[in-house]
Amino acid sequence: MGVGALGGLFALTVVLGGTIFIDGGDGGAVKQIRLSAEAGGLRRSSEDPAASVAYPFITEAVRRGGMPLRRQTAAVYMSEERDILFVGGTGEIADPEAFLDRAKPNTVLAAGHVGRDVCGTFAVLSAVHAYCAWATSGSYGFVASNVPAESTADLAQLVSRMRTDLEG
C-alpha cells in the first residue's frame, strides 16, 4: 500500500479561509474550528497571530500536547480592554485530560483544572501572562493574553464564550 493510500486511512485535514476541518473517516460528525469575525464578544484583529507575544509559548504548548502544528489555526481577538491570542485545531485526542496536562507553555508558572478546562500563567521575560485551554476527543483551543495578566478568572469565562463561537 502506498504512502498516499495510508494517508487516506487517516484524518483528512483541510484549512480554508480560517476554518480547519477534520474527518476521521468513521462517518461521524466533522469537527471544525472556524475563525469568525467575532468570538466571545471580541472582534478579530488583522494582526498576524504569529507576531503576537503569546504565540511562541502557546504553539509550544500545542506541540508538547502532541498535536501536529499543521492542524491548527490562530487569530488575535481584541476589545478596548483585551488583546487575546486564540490557537485551536482539530484532530484525534485519545485522552483530552492528559493532552491538557501535557500541553503547557514551556515557561508555565502555574496551571490547574477549572472544570474540564485548564487555566494557568506563563512567563514572557519578566511579565506574567494568563492562558486557558480546552480539549475534546476531536478538537482543542487555547486562549492567551497578549498583555501581562496574572488572573485567570476572566479568561476562564472568556474561553467558554469563545469556544461557543469558534468550535462547530
N, C-alpha and C. Protein backbone atom coordinates (compact mmCIF):
# COMPACT_ATOMS: atom_id res chain seq x y z
N MET A 1 0.85 -1.17 0.00
CA MET A 1 0.00 0.00 0.00
C MET A 1 0.90 1.23 0.00
N GLY A 2 0.65 2.17 -0.88
CA GLY A 2 1.47 3.36 -0.99
C GLY A 2 1.24 4.34 0.13
N VAL A 3 2.17 5.32 0.24
CA VAL A 3 2.07 6.34 1.28
C VAL A 3 0.77 7.12 1.13
N GLY A 4 0.37 7.44 -0.10
CA GLY A 4 -0.88 8.17 -0.31
C GLY A 4 -2.08 7.40 0.18
N ALA A 5 -2.09 6.10 -0.06
CA ALA A 5 -3.21 5.27 0.40
C ALA A 5 -3.24 5.19 1.92
N LEU A 6 -2.06 5.07 2.54
CA LEU A 6 -2.01 5.05 4.00
C LEU A 6 -2.50 6.38 4.57
N GLY A 7 -2.08 7.48 3.95
CA GLY A 7 -2.54 8.80 4.40
C GLY A 7 -4.04 8.92 4.31
N GLY A 8 -4.65 8.28 3.31
CA GLY A 8 -6.09 8.33 3.15
C GLY A 8 -6.84 7.61 4.25
N LEU A 9 -6.16 6.68 4.93
CA LEU A 9 -6.79 5.97 6.04
C LEU A 9 -6.91 6.84 7.28
N PHE A 10 -6.10 7.86 7.33
CA PHE A 10 -6.10 8.75 8.49
C PHE A 10 -6.95 9.97 8.20
N ALA A 11 -6.97 10.88 9.16
CA ALA A 11 -7.82 12.06 9.05
C ALA A 11 -7.41 12.93 7.87
N LEU A 12 -8.43 13.43 7.20
CA LEU A 12 -8.23 14.38 6.11
C LEU A 12 -8.41 15.76 6.71
N THR A 13 -7.41 16.58 6.58
CA THR A 13 -7.46 17.91 7.16
C THR A 13 -7.38 18.94 6.05
N VAL A 14 -8.26 19.91 6.11
CA VAL A 14 -8.29 20.97 5.12
C VAL A 14 -8.40 22.29 5.85
N VAL A 15 -7.53 23.24 5.53
CA VAL A 15 -7.62 24.56 6.11
C VAL A 15 -7.96 25.53 4.99
N LEU A 16 -9.11 26.15 5.09
CA LEU A 16 -9.58 27.10 4.09
C LEU A 16 -10.16 28.31 4.77
N GLY A 17 -9.66 29.49 4.47
CA GLY A 17 -10.23 30.73 4.97
C GLY A 17 -10.42 30.76 6.47
N GLY A 18 -9.46 30.28 7.25
CA GLY A 18 -9.58 30.33 8.69
C GLY A 18 -10.43 29.24 9.30
N THR A 19 -10.76 28.23 8.54
CA THR A 19 -11.54 27.10 9.07
C THR A 19 -10.70 25.85 8.91
N ILE A 20 -10.65 25.06 9.97
CA ILE A 20 -9.93 23.80 9.90
C ILE A 20 -10.95 22.70 10.17
N PHE A 21 -10.96 21.69 9.29
CA PHE A 21 -11.88 20.57 9.38
C PHE A 21 -11.09 19.30 9.61
N ILE A 22 -11.71 18.34 10.25
CA ILE A 22 -11.12 17.00 10.31
C ILE A 22 -12.24 15.99 10.16
N ASP A 23 -11.99 15.01 9.33
CA ASP A 23 -12.92 13.90 9.13
C ASP A 23 -12.14 12.64 9.45
N GLY A 24 -12.51 11.98 10.53
CA GLY A 24 -11.79 10.79 10.96
C GLY A 24 -12.07 9.58 10.11
N GLY A 25 -12.98 9.68 9.13
CA GLY A 25 -13.24 8.59 8.24
C GLY A 25 -14.20 7.56 8.81
N ASP A 26 -14.75 7.80 10.01
CA ASP A 26 -15.64 6.82 10.61
C ASP A 26 -17.11 7.15 10.38
N GLY A 27 -17.39 8.15 9.57
CA GLY A 27 -18.77 8.53 9.29
C GLY A 27 -19.37 9.43 10.35
N GLY A 28 -18.59 9.77 11.41
CA GLY A 28 -19.09 10.64 12.48
C GLY A 28 -19.09 12.09 12.04
N ALA A 29 -19.51 12.93 12.96
CA ALA A 29 -19.59 14.36 12.68
C ALA A 29 -18.19 14.92 12.45
N VAL A 30 -18.11 15.87 11.56
CA VAL A 30 -16.86 16.54 11.26
C VAL A 30 -16.70 17.69 12.26
N LYS A 31 -15.60 17.70 12.99
CA LYS A 31 -15.28 18.79 13.91
C LYS A 31 -14.63 19.90 13.10
N GLN A 32 -14.87 21.13 13.51
CA GLN A 32 -14.21 22.25 12.84
C GLN A 32 -13.98 23.38 13.82
N ILE A 33 -12.92 24.12 13.56
CA ILE A 33 -12.63 25.36 14.26
C ILE A 33 -12.75 26.44 13.20
N ARG A 34 -13.62 27.39 13.44
CA ARG A 34 -13.90 28.45 12.48
C ARG A 34 -13.51 29.79 13.07
N LEU A 35 -12.58 30.49 12.46
CA LEU A 35 -12.20 31.82 12.92
C LEU A 35 -13.24 32.82 12.43
N SER A 36 -14.07 33.27 13.33
CA SER A 36 -15.14 34.19 12.96
C SER A 36 -14.71 35.63 13.19
N ALA A 37 -15.50 36.57 12.69
CA ALA A 37 -15.21 37.99 12.84
C ALA A 37 -15.29 38.42 14.30
N GLU A 38 -16.12 37.72 15.07
CA GLU A 38 -16.24 37.98 16.50
C GLU A 38 -16.27 36.66 17.25
N ALA A 39 -15.68 36.67 18.43
CA ALA A 39 -15.71 35.47 19.28
C ALA A 39 -15.67 35.92 20.73
N GLY A 40 -16.59 35.42 21.52
CA GLY A 40 -16.62 35.75 22.93
C GLY A 40 -16.81 37.22 23.21
N GLY A 41 -17.41 37.94 22.28
CA GLY A 41 -17.60 39.38 22.44
C GLY A 41 -16.41 40.22 22.00
N LEU A 42 -15.38 39.58 21.47
CA LEU A 42 -14.19 40.29 20.97
C LEU A 42 -14.21 40.28 19.45
N ARG A 43 -13.60 41.28 18.85
CA ARG A 43 -13.53 41.32 17.38
C ARG A 43 -12.17 40.80 16.91
N ARG A 44 -12.20 40.12 15.78
CA ARG A 44 -10.97 39.58 15.20
C ARG A 44 -10.12 40.72 14.65
N SER A 45 -8.87 40.70 14.98
CA SER A 45 -7.91 41.71 14.54
C SER A 45 -7.24 41.26 13.25
N SER A 46 -6.74 42.20 12.50
CA SER A 46 -5.97 41.86 11.29
C SER A 46 -4.51 41.57 11.64
N GLU A 47 -4.16 41.70 12.91
CA GLU A 47 -2.80 41.44 13.37
C GLU A 47 -2.42 39.99 13.09
N ASP A 48 -1.19 39.79 12.63
CA ASP A 48 -0.68 38.44 12.37
C ASP A 48 -0.52 37.72 13.71
N PRO A 49 -1.22 36.60 13.92
CA PRO A 49 -1.10 35.92 15.22
C PRO A 49 0.33 35.48 15.54
N ALA A 50 1.10 35.13 14.53
CA ALA A 50 2.47 34.69 14.75
C ALA A 50 3.35 35.81 15.31
N ALA A 51 2.91 37.06 15.15
CA ALA A 51 3.67 38.20 15.67
C ALA A 51 3.24 38.57 17.10
N SER A 52 2.24 37.89 17.64
CA SER A 52 1.76 38.23 18.98
C SER A 52 2.70 37.66 20.05
N VAL A 53 2.69 38.30 21.19
CA VAL A 53 3.59 37.95 22.29
C VAL A 53 3.41 36.50 22.74
N ALA A 54 2.17 36.04 22.85
CA ALA A 54 1.90 34.71 23.40
C ALA A 54 2.11 33.57 22.41
N TYR A 55 2.16 33.88 21.11
CA TYR A 55 2.16 32.84 20.07
C TYR A 55 3.24 31.76 20.25
N PRO A 56 4.52 32.10 20.42
CA PRO A 56 5.51 31.02 20.52
C PRO A 56 5.30 30.12 21.74
N PHE A 57 4.76 30.68 22.80
CA PHE A 57 4.54 29.91 24.03
C PHE A 57 3.34 28.97 23.87
N ILE A 58 2.30 29.44 23.22
CA ILE A 58 1.10 28.62 23.05
C ILE A 58 1.32 27.55 21.97
N THR A 59 2.00 27.88 20.89
CA THR A 59 2.27 26.85 19.88
C THR A 59 3.20 25.78 20.46
N GLU A 60 4.10 26.17 21.36
CA GLU A 60 4.94 25.18 22.04
C GLU A 60 4.07 24.29 22.92
N ALA A 61 3.06 24.85 23.58
CA ALA A 61 2.15 24.05 24.40
C ALA A 61 1.42 23.02 23.54
N VAL A 62 0.95 23.44 22.37
CA VAL A 62 0.26 22.51 21.46
C VAL A 62 1.21 21.38 21.06
N ARG A 63 2.44 21.74 20.73
CA ARG A 63 3.44 20.73 20.36
C ARG A 63 3.69 19.76 21.52
N ARG A 64 3.81 20.30 22.73
CA ARG A 64 4.03 19.46 23.91
C ARG A 64 2.85 18.52 24.16
N GLY A 65 1.66 18.97 23.78
CA GLY A 65 0.48 18.13 23.93
C GLY A 65 0.44 16.99 22.94
N GLY A 66 1.23 17.10 21.87
CA GLY A 66 1.31 16.03 20.88
C GLY A 66 0.50 16.26 19.62
N MET A 67 -0.02 17.46 19.42
CA MET A 67 -0.79 17.74 18.21
C MET A 67 0.12 18.34 17.14
N PRO A 68 -0.03 17.89 15.91
CA PRO A 68 0.76 18.48 14.82
C PRO A 68 0.36 19.94 14.60
N LEU A 69 1.33 20.81 14.48
CA LEU A 69 1.04 22.23 14.29
C LEU A 69 0.34 22.51 12.97
N ARG A 70 0.46 21.62 12.00
CA ARG A 70 -0.20 21.84 10.71
C ARG A 70 -1.72 21.74 10.83
N ARG A 71 -2.21 21.21 11.91
CA ARG A 71 -3.65 21.07 12.12
C ARG A 71 -4.21 22.17 13.00
N GLN A 72 -3.57 23.31 13.04
CA GLN A 72 -4.05 24.39 13.89
C GLN A 72 -4.28 25.65 13.09
N THR A 73 -5.06 26.52 13.68
CA THR A 73 -5.31 27.83 13.11
C THR A 73 -5.24 28.83 14.25
N ALA A 74 -4.99 30.07 13.95
CA ALA A 74 -4.81 31.07 15.02
C ALA A 74 -5.32 32.43 14.57
N ALA A 75 -5.69 33.23 15.55
CA ALA A 75 -6.12 34.60 15.30
C ALA A 75 -5.96 35.41 16.58
N VAL A 76 -5.91 36.71 16.41
CA VAL A 76 -5.90 37.62 17.55
C VAL A 76 -7.28 38.27 17.61
N TYR A 77 -7.85 38.27 18.82
CA TYR A 77 -9.15 38.91 19.06
C TYR A 77 -8.95 40.02 20.08
N MET A 78 -9.63 41.16 19.85
CA MET A 78 -9.39 42.32 20.70
C MET A 78 -10.69 43.03 21.09
N SER A 79 -10.56 43.78 22.17
CA SER A 79 -11.55 44.77 22.56
C SER A 79 -10.73 45.93 23.14
N GLU A 80 -11.39 46.92 23.67
CA GLU A 80 -10.62 48.03 24.25
C GLU A 80 -9.82 47.58 25.45
N GLU A 81 -10.31 46.55 26.17
CA GLU A 81 -9.64 46.08 27.37
C GLU A 81 -8.77 44.85 27.15
N ARG A 82 -8.95 44.15 26.05
CA ARG A 82 -8.28 42.85 25.88
C ARG A 82 -7.55 42.72 24.56
N ASP A 83 -6.49 41.93 24.61
CA ASP A 83 -5.71 41.55 23.43
C ASP A 83 -5.42 40.06 23.62
N ILE A 84 -6.17 39.21 22.91
CA ILE A 84 -6.19 37.78 23.16
C ILE A 84 -5.75 37.00 21.93
N LEU A 85 -4.86 36.04 22.14
CA LEU A 85 -4.48 35.10 21.09
C LEU A 85 -5.34 33.86 21.21
N PHE A 86 -5.90 33.40 20.09
CA PHE A 86 -6.58 32.11 20.05
C PHE A 86 -5.78 31.19 19.14
N VAL A 87 -5.50 29.99 19.61
CA VAL A 87 -4.89 28.95 18.80
C VAL A 87 -5.73 27.70 19.02
N GLY A 88 -6.22 27.11 17.94
CA GLY A 88 -7.05 25.92 18.08
C GLY A 88 -6.91 25.03 16.87
N GLY A 89 -7.42 23.85 17.00
CA GLY A 89 -7.34 22.91 15.89
C GLY A 89 -8.16 21.68 16.14
N THR A 90 -8.05 20.76 15.22
CA THR A 90 -8.80 19.52 15.30
C THR A 90 -7.86 18.34 15.12
N GLY A 91 -8.29 17.22 15.59
CA GLY A 91 -7.51 16.00 15.47
C GLY A 91 -7.96 15.02 16.52
N GLU A 92 -7.51 13.82 16.39
CA GLU A 92 -7.88 12.78 17.34
C GLU A 92 -7.07 12.96 18.62
N ILE A 93 -7.79 13.15 19.72
CA ILE A 93 -7.16 13.29 21.04
C ILE A 93 -7.72 12.15 21.89
N ALA A 94 -6.90 11.12 22.10
CA ALA A 94 -7.36 9.91 22.80
C ALA A 94 -7.78 10.21 24.23
N ASP A 95 -7.03 11.07 24.91
CA ASP A 95 -7.31 11.41 26.30
C ASP A 95 -7.21 12.92 26.46
N PRO A 96 -8.32 13.65 26.32
CA PRO A 96 -8.28 15.11 26.39
C PRO A 96 -7.68 15.65 27.68
N GLU A 97 -7.96 15.02 28.81
CA GLU A 97 -7.41 15.50 30.08
C GLU A 97 -5.89 15.35 30.10
N ALA A 98 -5.38 14.24 29.62
CA ALA A 98 -3.92 14.03 29.55
C ALA A 98 -3.28 15.02 28.57
N PHE A 99 -3.97 15.28 27.44
CA PHE A 99 -3.48 16.28 26.49
C PHE A 99 -3.30 17.62 27.19
N LEU A 100 -4.33 18.06 27.94
CA LEU A 100 -4.26 19.34 28.63
C LEU A 100 -3.17 19.35 29.71
N ASP A 101 -2.95 18.21 30.35
CA ASP A 101 -1.88 18.14 31.35
C ASP A 101 -0.49 18.27 30.72
N ARG A 102 -0.34 17.77 29.49
CA ARG A 102 0.95 17.88 28.78
C ARG A 102 1.11 19.22 28.07
N ALA A 103 0.01 19.78 27.60
CA ALA A 103 0.04 20.96 26.73
C ALA A 103 0.13 22.24 27.54
N LYS A 104 1.33 22.51 28.00
CA LYS A 104 1.57 23.73 28.78
C LYS A 104 2.69 24.52 28.13
N PRO A 105 2.61 25.85 28.21
CA PRO A 105 3.73 26.66 27.69
C PRO A 105 5.04 26.25 28.37
N ASN A 106 6.15 26.39 27.67
CA ASN A 106 7.43 25.97 28.23
C ASN A 106 7.87 26.83 29.41
N THR A 107 7.26 28.00 29.62
CA THR A 107 7.59 28.85 30.76
C THR A 107 6.43 28.90 31.76
N VAL A 108 5.64 27.81 31.84
CA VAL A 108 4.47 27.77 32.73
C VAL A 108 4.91 28.04 34.17
N LEU A 109 4.14 28.88 34.84
CA LEU A 109 4.38 29.19 36.25
C LEU A 109 3.42 28.41 37.14
N ALA A 110 2.18 28.32 36.69
CA ALA A 110 1.14 27.59 37.44
C ALA A 110 0.07 27.17 36.45
N ALA A 111 -0.56 26.04 36.72
CA ALA A 111 -1.65 25.56 35.87
C ALA A 111 -2.51 24.62 36.69
N GLY A 112 -3.80 24.66 36.42
CA GLY A 112 -4.71 23.78 37.13
C GLY A 112 -6.01 23.63 36.39
N HIS A 113 -6.73 22.58 36.71
CA HIS A 113 -8.02 22.31 36.06
C HIS A 113 -9.09 23.24 36.62
N VAL A 114 -9.87 23.80 35.71
CA VAL A 114 -11.03 24.62 36.03
C VAL A 114 -12.19 23.93 35.32
N GLY A 115 -12.88 23.05 36.02
CA GLY A 115 -13.87 22.21 35.36
C GLY A 115 -13.14 21.28 34.40
N ARG A 116 -13.58 21.26 33.13
CA ARG A 116 -12.92 20.42 32.12
C ARG A 116 -11.76 21.14 31.44
N ASP A 117 -11.62 22.43 31.68
CA ASP A 117 -10.57 23.24 31.06
C ASP A 117 -9.34 23.28 31.98
N VAL A 118 -8.26 23.83 31.44
CA VAL A 118 -7.06 24.10 32.23
C VAL A 118 -6.74 25.57 32.06
N CYS A 119 -6.44 26.23 33.16
CA CYS A 119 -6.01 27.63 33.12
C CYS A 119 -4.71 27.75 33.91
N GLY A 120 -3.91 28.72 33.51
CA GLY A 120 -2.65 28.92 34.20
C GLY A 120 -1.97 30.20 33.78
N THR A 121 -0.74 30.34 34.22
CA THR A 121 0.06 31.50 33.88
C THR A 121 1.40 31.03 33.33
N PHE A 122 2.00 31.89 32.51
CA PHE A 122 3.32 31.60 31.95
C PHE A 122 4.11 32.90 31.89
N ALA A 123 5.43 32.77 31.87
CA ALA A 123 6.30 33.94 31.86
C ALA A 123 6.68 34.31 30.43
N VAL A 124 6.67 35.61 30.19
CA VAL A 124 7.22 36.19 28.97
C VAL A 124 8.22 37.23 29.46
N LEU A 125 9.48 36.87 29.41
CA LEU A 125 10.54 37.65 30.05
C LEU A 125 10.17 37.83 31.52
N SER A 126 10.03 39.05 32.03
CA SER A 126 9.70 39.23 33.44
C SER A 126 8.21 39.43 33.68
N ALA A 127 7.40 39.36 32.64
CA ALA A 127 5.95 39.57 32.77
C ALA A 127 5.22 38.23 32.89
N VAL A 128 4.07 38.26 33.54
CA VAL A 128 3.23 37.07 33.71
C VAL A 128 2.00 37.23 32.83
N HIS A 129 1.71 36.20 32.05
CA HIS A 129 0.54 36.17 31.16
C HIS A 129 -0.34 34.99 31.53
N ALA A 130 -1.64 35.12 31.30
CA ALA A 130 -2.59 34.06 31.62
C ALA A 130 -3.01 33.32 30.35
N TYR A 131 -3.39 32.04 30.53
CA TYR A 131 -3.94 31.26 29.42
C TYR A 131 -4.97 30.27 29.96
N CYS A 132 -5.88 29.86 29.10
CA CYS A 132 -6.82 28.78 29.40
C CYS A 132 -6.95 27.93 28.13
N ALA A 133 -7.28 26.65 28.32
CA ALA A 133 -7.38 25.74 27.18
C ALA A 133 -8.48 24.71 27.42
N TRP A 134 -9.03 24.21 26.31
CA TRP A 134 -9.98 23.10 26.36
C TRP A 134 -9.51 22.04 25.39
N ALA A 135 -9.99 20.84 25.59
CA ALA A 135 -9.73 19.75 24.65
C ALA A 135 -10.88 18.75 24.73
N THR A 136 -11.23 18.23 23.57
CA THR A 136 -12.22 17.15 23.46
C THR A 136 -11.55 16.03 22.69
N SER A 137 -12.28 15.00 22.38
CA SER A 137 -11.70 13.91 21.60
C SER A 137 -11.42 14.32 20.15
N GLY A 138 -11.95 15.48 19.72
CA GLY A 138 -11.76 15.89 18.33
C GLY A 138 -11.31 17.32 18.12
N SER A 139 -11.13 18.11 19.18
CA SER A 139 -10.70 19.50 18.99
C SER A 139 -10.03 20.03 20.25
N TYR A 140 -9.33 21.15 20.08
CA TYR A 140 -8.69 21.83 21.20
C TYR A 140 -8.64 23.31 20.91
N GLY A 141 -8.50 24.11 21.96
CA GLY A 141 -8.36 25.54 21.79
C GLY A 141 -7.64 26.15 22.98
N PHE A 142 -6.80 27.13 22.69
CA PHE A 142 -6.07 27.88 23.71
C PHE A 142 -6.41 29.35 23.55
N VAL A 143 -6.63 30.02 24.66
CA VAL A 143 -6.87 31.45 24.70
C VAL A 143 -5.82 32.01 25.65
N ALA A 144 -5.03 32.97 25.18
CA ALA A 144 -3.95 33.52 25.99
C ALA A 144 -3.90 35.03 25.87
N SER A 145 -3.58 35.66 26.97
CA SER A 145 -3.46 37.11 26.98
C SER A 145 -2.13 37.53 26.35
N ASN A 146 -2.22 38.48 25.43
CA ASN A 146 -1.00 39.03 24.82
C ASN A 146 -0.41 40.16 25.65
N VAL A 147 -1.10 40.55 26.71
CA VAL A 147 -0.60 41.58 27.63
C VAL A 147 -0.50 40.94 29.01
N PRO A 148 0.38 41.46 29.86
CA PRO A 148 0.51 40.86 31.20
C PRO A 148 -0.84 40.80 31.92
N ALA A 149 -1.13 39.65 32.49
CA ALA A 149 -2.37 39.42 33.24
C ALA A 149 -2.15 38.20 34.11
N GLU A 150 -2.15 38.39 35.42
CA GLU A 150 -1.87 37.28 36.32
C GLU A 150 -3.11 36.49 36.71
N SER A 151 -4.28 37.07 36.55
CA SER A 151 -5.52 36.39 36.94
C SER A 151 -6.09 35.60 35.76
N THR A 152 -6.50 34.37 36.05
CA THR A 152 -7.12 33.54 35.03
C THR A 152 -8.64 33.53 35.14
N ALA A 153 -9.20 34.19 36.14
CA ALA A 153 -10.65 34.13 36.38
C ALA A 153 -11.45 34.64 35.18
N ASP A 154 -11.13 35.81 34.66
CA ASP A 154 -11.83 36.35 33.49
C ASP A 154 -11.60 35.48 32.26
N LEU A 155 -10.37 35.01 32.11
CA LEU A 155 -10.02 34.20 30.95
C LEU A 155 -10.78 32.86 30.97
N ALA A 156 -11.01 32.31 32.14
CA ALA A 156 -11.77 31.05 32.24
C ALA A 156 -13.19 31.23 31.71
N GLN A 157 -13.79 32.38 31.98
CA GLN A 157 -15.12 32.65 31.44
C GLN A 157 -15.06 32.95 29.95
N LEU A 158 -14.03 33.67 29.52
CA LEU A 158 -13.88 34.03 28.11
C LEU A 158 -13.66 32.79 27.24
N VAL A 159 -12.88 31.82 27.69
CA VAL A 159 -12.59 30.64 26.87
C VAL A 159 -13.88 29.90 26.55
N SER A 160 -14.80 29.86 27.49
CA SER A 160 -16.09 29.20 27.24
C SER A 160 -16.90 29.93 26.17
N ARG A 161 -16.93 31.25 26.26
CA ARG A 161 -17.68 32.04 25.26
C ARG A 161 -17.02 31.95 23.89
N MET A 162 -15.69 32.01 23.85
CA MET A 162 -15.00 31.92 22.56
C MET A 162 -15.18 30.54 21.94
N ARG A 163 -15.14 29.51 22.76
CA ARG A 163 -15.32 28.15 22.25
C ARG A 163 -16.68 28.01 21.57
N THR A 164 -17.70 28.56 22.19
CA THR A 164 -19.05 28.50 21.61
C THR A 164 -19.07 29.13 20.22
N ASP A 165 -18.34 30.21 20.03
CA ASP A 165 -18.32 30.92 18.75
C ASP A 165 -17.38 30.31 17.72
N LEU A 166 -16.37 29.55 18.15
CA LEU A 166 -15.32 29.09 17.23
C LEU A 166 -15.38 27.60 16.90
N GLU A 167 -15.96 26.80 17.77
CA GLU A 167 -15.97 25.36 17.56
C GLU A 167 -17.32 24.92 17.00
N GLY A 168 -17.28 24.14 15.91
CA GLY A 168 -18.53 23.67 15.33
C GLY A 168 -18.58 22.19 15.20
